[in-house]
């Protein structure tokens, strides 16, 4: 959340948030589903914030196709 807030002042923090989320998901994707869902949403949202709308759309579409009942995914998208 703090990297998102920092990105409002310095857009370079969007990429740092993307990197953090990708590393987390690479290591812990099989872990706690709620935490993984939050990190997925943060990753896709950060893609939008950094100007990469295509990647943000693709990530949300992929995850929501796999789990169409993920309410926070729909809200984030």
PDB file of N, CA and C in Angstrom:
ATOM      1  N   UNK A   1       0.828  -1.178   0.000  1.00  0.00           N
ATOM      2  CA  UNK A   1       0.000   0.000   0.000  1.00  0.00           C
ATOM      3  C   UNK A   1       0.882   1.255   0.000  1.00  0.00           C
ATOM      4  N   UNK A   2       1.974   1.206   0.772  1.00  0.00           N
ATOM      5  CA  UNK A   2       2.852   2.377   0.833  1.00  0.00           C
ATOM      6  C   UNK A   2       3.550   2.626  -0.500  1.00  0.00           C
ATOM      7  N   UNK A   3       3.877   1.571  -1.221  1.00  0.00           N
ATOM      8  CA  UNK A   3       4.479   1.773  -2.539  1.00  0.00           C
ATOM      9  C   UNK A   3       3.470   2.408  -3.495  1.00  0.00           C
ATOM     10  N   UNK A   4       2.213   2.057  -3.368  1.00  0.00           N
ATOM     11  CA  UNK A   4       1.161   2.704  -4.171  1.00  0.00           C
ATOM     12  C   UNK A   4       1.098   4.193  -3.843  1.00  0.00           C
ATOM     13  N   UNK A   5       1.084   4.510  -2.554  1.00  0.00           N
ATOM     14  CA  UNK A   5       1.023   5.911  -2.145  1.00  0.00           C
ATOM     15  C   UNK A   5       2.252   6.676  -2.623  1.00  0.00           C
ATOM     16  N   UNK A   6       3.430   6.063  -2.502  1.00  0.00           N
ATOM     17  CA  UNK A   6       4.655   6.716  -2.944  1.00  0.00           C
ATOM     18  C   UNK A   6       4.642   6.948  -4.452  1.00  0.00           C
ATOM     19  N   UNK A   7       3.974   6.068  -5.189  1.00  0.00           N
ATOM     20  CA  UNK A   7       3.876   6.202  -6.638  1.00  0.00           C
ATOM     21  C   UNK A   7       3.102   7.426  -7.081  1.00  0.00           C
ATOM     22  N   UNK A   8       2.300   7.960  -6.211  1.00  0.00           N
ATOM     23  CA  UNK A   8       1.576   9.197  -6.543  1.00  0.00           C
ATOM     24  C   UNK A   8       2.538  10.373  -6.664  1.00  0.00           C
ATOM     25  N   UNK A   9       3.598  10.333  -5.868  1.00  0.00           N
ATOM     26  CA  UNK A   9       4.602  11.402  -5.892  1.00  0.00           C
ATOM     27  C   UNK A   9       5.719  11.097  -6.888  1.00  0.00           C
ATOM     28  N   UNK A  10       6.106   9.835  -6.973  1.00  0.00           N
ATOM     29  CA  UNK A  10       7.214   9.410  -7.831  1.00  0.00           C
ATOM     30  C   UNK A  10       6.784   8.134  -8.559  1.00  0.00           C
ATOM     31  N   UNK A  11       6.421   8.241  -9.845  1.00  0.00           N
ATOM     32  CA  UNK A  11       5.924   7.078 -10.586  1.00  0.00           C
ATOM     33  C   UNK A  11       6.875   5.890 -10.620  1.00  0.00           C
ATOM     34  N   UNK A  12       8.144   6.088 -10.316  1.00  0.00           N
ATOM     35  CA  UNK A  12       9.084   4.974 -10.282  1.00  0.00           C
ATOM     36  C   UNK A  12       8.717   3.928  -9.244  1.00  0.00           C
ATOM     37  N   UNK A  13       7.960   4.345  -8.235  1.00  0.00           N
ATOM     38  CA  UNK A  13       7.546   3.390  -7.205  1.00  0.00           C
ATOM     39  C   UNK A  13       6.507   2.398  -7.715  1.00  0.00           C
ATOM     40  N   UNK A  14       5.829   2.695  -8.803  1.00  0.00           N
ATOM     41  CA  UNK A  14       4.893   1.721  -9.384  1.00  0.00           C
ATOM     42  C   UNK A  14       5.656   0.474  -9.820  1.00  0.00           C
ATOM     43  N   UNK A  15       6.810   0.681 -10.456  1.00  0.00           N
ATOM     44  CA  UNK A  15       7.607  -0.464 -10.899  1.00  0.00           C
ATOM     45  C   UNK A  15       8.152  -1.234  -9.710  1.00  0.00           C
ATOM     46  N   UNK A  16       8.511  -0.553  -8.662  1.00  0.00           N
ATOM     47  CA  UNK A  16       8.995  -1.248  -7.462  1.00  0.00           C
ATOM     48  C   UNK A  16       7.889  -2.106  -6.866  1.00  0.00           C
ATOM     49  N   UNK A  17       6.664  -1.600  -6.903  1.00  0.00           N
ATOM     50  CA  UNK A  17       5.531  -2.380  -6.390  1.00  0.00           C
ATOM     51  C   UNK A  17       5.283  -3.598  -7.282  1.00  0.00           C
ATOM     52  N   UNK A  18       5.393  -3.417  -8.579  1.00  0.00           N
ATOM     53  CA  UNK A  18       5.241  -4.535  -9.517  1.00  0.00           C
ATOM     54  C   UNK A  18       6.294  -5.601  -9.213  1.00  0.00           C
ATOM     55  N   UNK A  19       7.535  -5.167  -9.053  1.00  0.00           N
ATOM     56  CA  UNK A  19       8.621  -6.111  -8.765  1.00  0.00           C
ATOM     57  C   UNK A  19       8.365  -6.877  -7.469  1.00  0.00           C
ATOM     58  N   UNK A  20       7.945  -6.164  -6.430  1.00  0.00           N
ATOM     59  CA  UNK A  20       7.665  -6.801  -5.147  1.00  0.00           C
ATOM     60  C   UNK A  20       6.549  -7.837  -5.281  1.00  0.00           C
ATOM     61  N   UNK A  21       5.469  -7.467  -5.946  1.00  0.00           N
ATOM     62  CA  UNK A  21       4.336  -8.386  -6.109  1.00  0.00           C
ATOM     63  C   UNK A  21       4.731  -9.613  -6.919  1.00  0.00           C
ATOM     64  N   UNK A  22       5.501  -9.409  -7.991  1.00  0.00           N
ATOM     65  CA  UNK A  22       5.941 -10.543  -8.809  1.00  0.00           C
ATOM     66  C   UNK A  22       6.819 -11.497  -8.003  1.00  0.00           C
ATOM     67  N   UNK A  23       7.730 -10.950  -7.220  1.00  0.00           N
ATOM     68  CA  UNK A  23       8.593 -11.796  -6.402  1.00  0.00           C
ATOM     69  C   UNK A  23       7.778 -12.563  -5.366  1.00  0.00           C
ATOM     70  N   UNK A  24       6.840 -11.885  -4.734  1.00  0.00           N
ATOM     71  CA  UNK A  24       5.992 -12.538  -3.744  1.00  0.00           C
ATOM     72  C   UNK A  24       5.213 -13.682  -4.384  1.00  0.00           C
ATOM     73  N   UNK A  25       4.559 -13.404  -5.505  1.00  0.00           N
ATOM     74  CA  UNK A  25       3.741 -14.428  -6.157  1.00  0.00           C
ATOM     75  C   UNK A  25       4.590 -15.588  -6.663  1.00  0.00           C
ATOM     76  N   UNK A  26       5.794 -15.312  -7.087  1.00  0.00           N
ATOM     77  CA  UNK A  26       6.693 -16.384  -7.535  1.00  0.00           C
ATOM     78  C   UNK A  26       7.023 -17.325  -6.373  1.00  0.00           C
ATOM     79  N   UNK A  27       7.196 -16.764  -5.196  1.00  0.00           N
ATOM     80  CA  UNK A  27       7.602 -17.567  -4.041  1.00  0.00           C
ATOM     81  C   UNK A  27       6.436 -18.186  -3.278  1.00  0.00           C
ATOM     82  N   UNK A  28       5.318 -17.487  -3.212  1.00  0.00           N
ATOM     83  CA  UNK A  28       4.260 -17.906  -2.298  1.00  0.00           C
ATOM     84  C   UNK A  28       2.904 -18.134  -2.969  1.00  0.00           C
ATOM     85  N   UNK A  29       2.849 -18.341  -4.261  1.00  0.00           N
ATOM     86  CA  UNK A  29       1.579 -18.472  -4.971  1.00  0.00           C
ATOM     87  C   UNK A  29       0.717 -19.610  -4.444  1.00  0.00           C
ATOM     88  N   UNK A  30       1.339 -20.611  -3.852  1.00  0.00           N
ATOM     89  CA  UNK A  30       0.577 -21.749  -3.340  1.00  0.00           C
ATOM     90  C   UNK A  30       0.158 -21.540  -1.885  1.00  0.00           C
ATOM     91  N   UNK A  31       0.456 -20.387  -1.325  1.00  0.00           N
ATOM     92  CA  UNK A  31       0.166 -20.132   0.084  1.00  0.00           C
ATOM     93  C   UNK A  31      -1.245 -19.638   0.330  1.00  0.00           C
ATOM     94  N   UNK A  32      -1.387 -18.855   1.369  1.00  0.00           N
ATOM     95  CA  UNK A  32      -2.669 -18.307   1.808  1.00  0.00           C
ATOM     96  C   UNK A  32      -3.380 -17.618   0.653  1.00  0.00           C
ATOM     97  N   UNK A  33      -4.572 -18.073   0.330  1.00  0.00           N
ATOM     98  CA  UNK A  33      -5.251 -17.570  -0.860  1.00  0.00           C
ATOM     99  C   UNK A  33      -5.650 -16.094  -0.746  1.00  0.00           C
ATOM    100  N   UNK A  34      -6.030 -15.623   0.420  1.00  0.00           N
ATOM    101  CA  UNK A  34      -6.427 -14.225   0.558  1.00  0.00           C
ATOM    102  C   UNK A  34      -5.235 -13.302   0.328  1.00  0.00           C
ATOM    103  N   UNK A  35      -4.102 -13.636   0.898  1.00  0.00           N
ATOM    104  CA  UNK A  35      -2.907 -12.825   0.702  1.00  0.00           C
ATOM    105  C   UNK A  35      -2.463 -12.848  -0.753  1.00  0.00           C
ATOM    106  N   UNK A  36      -2.534 -14.008  -1.377  1.00  0.00           N
ATOM    107  CA  UNK A  36      -2.184 -14.125  -2.795  1.00  0.00           C
ATOM    108  C   UNK A  36      -3.138 -13.274  -3.631  1.00  0.00           C
ATOM    109  N   UNK A  37      -4.410 -13.305  -3.324  1.00  0.00           N
ATOM    110  CA  UNK A  37      -5.377 -12.490  -4.063  1.00  0.00           C
ATOM    111  C   UNK A  37      -5.070 -11.006  -3.926  1.00  0.00           C
ATOM    112  N   UNK A  38      -4.698 -10.569  -2.731  1.00  0.00           N
ATOM    113  CA  UNK A  38      -4.351  -9.154  -2.532  1.00  0.00           C
ATOM    114  C   UNK A  38      -3.123  -8.776  -3.351  1.00  0.00           C
ATOM    115  N   UNK A  39      -2.136  -9.659  -3.397  1.00  0.00           N
ATOM    116  CA  UNK A  39      -0.930  -9.363  -4.163  1.00  0.00           C
ATOM    117  C   UNK A  39      -1.212  -9.372  -5.665  1.00  0.00           C
ATOM    118  N   UNK A  40      -2.073 -10.251  -6.105  1.00  0.00           N
ATOM    119  CA  UNK A  40      -2.458 -10.248  -7.526  1.00  0.00           C
ATOM    120  C   UNK A  40      -3.133  -8.938  -7.888  1.00  0.00           C
ATOM    121  N   UNK A  41      -4.060  -8.527  -7.046  1.00  0.00           N
ATOM    122  CA  UNK A  41      -4.764  -7.270  -7.311  1.00  0.00           C
ATOM    123  C   UNK A  41      -3.787  -6.103  -7.303  1.00  0.00           C
ATOM    124  N   UNK A  42      -2.854  -6.096  -6.358  1.00  0.00           N
ATOM    125  CA  UNK A  42      -1.860  -5.026  -6.288  1.00  0.00           C
ATOM    126  C   UNK A  42      -0.987  -5.020  -7.544  1.00  0.00           C
ATOM    127  N   UNK A  43      -0.613  -6.201  -8.020  1.00  0.00           N
ATOM    128  CA  UNK A  43       0.209  -6.295  -9.224  1.00  0.00           C
ATOM    129  C   UNK A  43      -0.527  -5.718 -10.431  1.00  0.00           C
ATOM    130  N   UNK A  44      -1.735  -6.180 -10.663  1.00  0.00           N
ATOM    131  CA  UNK A  44      -2.490  -5.719 -11.829  1.00  0.00           C
ATOM    132  C   UNK A  44      -2.795  -4.225 -11.724  1.00  0.00           C
ATOM    133  N   UNK A  45      -3.156  -3.762 -10.542  1.00  0.00           N
ATOM    134  CA  UNK A  45      -3.442  -2.335 -10.353  1.00  0.00           C
ATOM    135  C   UNK A  45      -2.198  -1.493 -10.606  1.00  0.00           C
ATOM    136  N   UNK A  46      -1.052  -1.999 -10.190  1.00  0.00           N
ATOM    137  CA  UNK A  46       0.195  -1.275 -10.410  1.00  0.00           C
ATOM    138  C   UNK A  46       0.540  -1.203 -11.890  1.00  0.00           C
ATOM    139  N   UNK A  47       0.175  -2.236 -12.629  1.00  0.00           N
ATOM    140  CA  UNK A  47       0.379  -2.184 -14.077  1.00  0.00           C
ATOM    141  C   UNK A  47      -0.434  -1.037 -14.672  1.00  0.00           C
ATOM    142  N   UNK A  48      -1.677  -0.911 -14.250  1.00  0.00           N
ATOM    143  CA  UNK A  48      -2.497   0.211 -14.708  1.00  0.00           C
ATOM    144  C   UNK A  48      -1.870   1.540 -14.294  1.00  0.00           C
ATOM    145  N   UNK A  49      -1.441   1.631 -13.037  1.00  0.00           N
ATOM    146  CA  UNK A  49      -0.855   2.875 -12.526  1.00  0.00           C
ATOM    147  C   UNK A  49       0.402   3.268 -13.287  1.00  0.00           C
ATOM    148  N   UNK A  50       1.154   2.274 -13.754  1.00  0.00           N
ATOM    149  CA  UNK A  50       2.397   2.563 -14.478  1.00  0.00           C
ATOM    150  C   UNK A  50       2.149   2.833 -15.959  1.00  0.00           C
ATOM    151  N   UNK A  51       0.895   2.708 -16.396  1.00  0.00           N
ATOM    152  CA  UNK A  51       0.550   2.984 -17.789  1.00  0.00           C
ATOM    153  C   UNK A  51       0.474   1.757 -18.674  1.00  0.00           C
ATOM    154  N   UNK A  52       0.650   0.574 -18.105  1.00  0.00           N
ATOM    155  CA  UNK A  52       0.606  -0.661 -18.890  1.00  0.00           C
ATOM    156  C   UNK A  52      -0.779  -1.298 -18.759  1.00  0.00           C
ATOM    157  N   UNK A  53      -1.743  -0.663 -19.388  1.00  0.00           N
ATOM    158  CA  UNK A  53      -3.133  -1.116 -19.305  1.00  0.00           C
ATOM    159  C   UNK A  53      -3.314  -2.513 -19.891  1.00  0.00           C
ATOM    160  N   UNK A  54      -2.614  -2.813 -20.972  1.00  0.00           N
ATOM    161  CA  UNK A  54      -2.757  -4.133 -21.600  1.00  0.00           C
ATOM    162  C   UNK A  54      -2.374  -5.251 -20.647  1.00  0.00           C
ATOM    163  N   UNK A  55      -1.265  -5.061 -19.926  1.00  0.00           N
ATOM    164  CA  UNK A  55      -0.844  -6.108 -18.990  1.00  0.00           C
ATOM    165  C   UNK A  55      -1.816  -6.208 -17.829  1.00  0.00           C
ATOM    166  N   UNK A  56      -2.280  -5.071 -17.307  1.00  0.00           N
ATOM    167  CA  UNK A  56      -3.258  -5.088 -16.223  1.00  0.00           C
ATOM    168  C   UNK A  56      -4.524  -5.825 -16.631  1.00  0.00           C
ATOM    169  N   UNK A  57      -5.025  -5.513 -17.819  1.00  0.00           N
ATOM    170  CA  UNK A  57      -6.219  -6.207 -18.329  1.00  0.00           C
ATOM    171  C   UNK A  57      -5.968  -7.708 -18.465  1.00  0.00           C
ATOM    172  N   UNK A  58      -4.818  -8.068 -19.019  1.00  0.00           N
ATOM    173  CA  UNK A  58      -4.501  -9.486 -19.240  1.00  0.00           C
ATOM    174  C   UNK A  58      -4.415 -10.246 -17.919  1.00  0.00           C
ATOM    175  N   UNK A  59      -3.809  -9.629 -16.907  1.00  0.00           N
ATOM    176  CA  UNK A  59      -3.693 -10.306 -15.611  1.00  0.00           C
ATOM    177  C   UNK A  59      -5.060 -10.512 -14.973  1.00  0.00           C
ATOM    178  N   UNK A  60      -5.861  -9.447 -14.910  1.00  0.00           N
ATOM    179  CA  UNK A  60      -7.194  -9.599 -14.326  1.00  0.00           C
ATOM    180  C   UNK A  60      -8.014 -10.622 -15.108  1.00  0.00           C
ATOM    181  N   UNK A  61      -7.950 -10.575 -16.430  1.00  0.00           N
ATOM    182  CA  UNK A  61      -8.719 -11.523 -17.243  1.00  0.00           C
ATOM    183  C   UNK A  61      -8.290 -12.965 -16.950  1.00  0.00           C
ATOM    184  N   UNK A  62      -6.978 -13.193 -16.873  1.00  0.00           N
ATOM    185  CA  UNK A  62      -6.458 -14.540 -16.597  1.00  0.00           C
ATOM    186  C   UNK A  62      -6.967 -15.044 -15.247  1.00  0.00           C
ATOM    187  N   UNK A  63      -6.811 -14.237 -14.216  1.00  0.00           N
ATOM    188  CA  UNK A  63      -7.178 -14.666 -12.875  1.00  0.00           C
ATOM    189  C   UNK A  63      -8.683 -14.791 -12.700  1.00  0.00           C
ATOM    190  N   UNK A  64      -9.449 -13.906 -13.335  1.00  0.00           N
ATOM    191  CA  UNK A  64     -10.905 -13.977 -13.196  1.00  0.00           C
ATOM    192  C   UNK A  64     -11.502 -15.093 -14.049  1.00  0.00           C
ATOM    193  N   UNK A  65     -10.828 -15.479 -15.098  1.00  0.00           N
ATOM    194  CA  UNK A  65     -11.271 -16.650 -15.866  1.00  0.00           C
ATOM    195  C   UNK A  65     -11.097 -17.900 -15.014  1.00  0.00           C
ATOM    196  N   UNK A  66      -9.971 -17.953 -14.289  1.00  0.00           N
ATOM    197  CA  UNK A  66      -9.707 -19.101 -13.416  1.00  0.00           C
ATOM    198  C   UNK A  66     -10.628 -19.108 -12.197  1.00  0.00           C
ATOM    199  N   UNK A  67     -10.995 -17.940 -11.707  1.00  0.00           N
ATOM    200  CA  UNK A  67     -11.844 -17.839 -10.516  1.00  0.00           C
ATOM    201  C   UNK A  67     -12.826 -16.680 -10.680  1.00  0.00           C
ATOM    202  N   UNK A  68     -13.933 -16.912 -11.402  1.00  0.00           N
ATOM    203  CA  UNK A  68     -14.883 -15.831 -11.659  1.00  0.00           C
ATOM    204  C   UNK A  68     -15.619 -15.341 -10.407  1.00  0.00           C
ATOM    205  N   UNK A  69     -15.439 -16.026  -9.283  1.00  0.00           N
ATOM    206  CA  UNK A  69     -16.096 -15.599  -8.043  1.00  0.00           C
ATOM    207  C   UNK A  69     -15.196 -14.716  -7.180  1.00  0.00           C
ATOM    208  N   UNK A  70     -14.029 -14.353  -7.708  1.00  0.00           N
ATOM    209  CA  UNK A  70     -13.103 -13.488  -6.986  1.00  0.00           C
ATOM    210  C   UNK A  70     -13.622 -12.053  -7.060  1.00  0.00           C
ATOM    211  N   UNK A  71     -14.420 -11.688  -6.080  1.00  0.00           N
ATOM    212  CA  UNK A  71     -15.088 -10.390  -6.065  1.00  0.00           C
ATOM    213  C   UNK A  71     -14.142  -9.209  -6.089  1.00  0.00           C
ATOM    214  N   UNK A  72     -13.056  -9.262  -5.284  1.00  0.00           N
ATOM    215  CA  UNK A  72     -12.116  -8.144  -5.253  1.00  0.00           C
ATOM    216  C   UNK A  72     -11.380  -7.990  -6.568  1.00  0.00           C
ATOM    217  N   UNK A  73     -11.276  -9.063  -7.315  1.00  0.00           N
ATOM    218  CA  UNK A  73     -10.681  -8.960  -8.659  1.00  0.00           C
ATOM    219  C   UNK A  73     -11.558  -8.132  -9.573  1.00  0.00           C
ATOM    220  N   UNK A  74     -12.867  -8.402  -9.524  1.00  0.00           N
ATOM    221  CA  UNK A  74     -13.795  -7.614 -10.353  1.00  0.00           C
ATOM    222  C   UNK A  74     -13.790  -6.152  -9.921  1.00  0.00           C
ATOM    223  N   UNK A  75     -13.753  -5.927  -8.631  1.00  0.00           N
ATOM    224  CA  UNK A  75     -13.740  -4.550  -8.116  1.00  0.00           C
ATOM    225  C   UNK A  75     -12.468  -3.844  -8.565  1.00  0.00           C
ATOM    226  N   UNK A  76     -11.328  -4.520  -8.457  1.00  0.00           N
ATOM    227  CA  UNK A  76     -10.062  -3.914  -8.847  1.00  0.00           C
ATOM    228  C   UNK A  76      -9.977  -3.630 -10.341  1.00  0.00           C
ATOM    229  N   UNK A  77     -10.517  -4.522 -11.152  1.00  0.00           N
ATOM    230  CA  UNK A  77     -10.454  -4.368 -12.595  1.00  0.00           C
ATOM    231  C   UNK A  77     -11.328  -3.232 -13.024  1.00  0.00           C
TER     232      UNK A  77
END
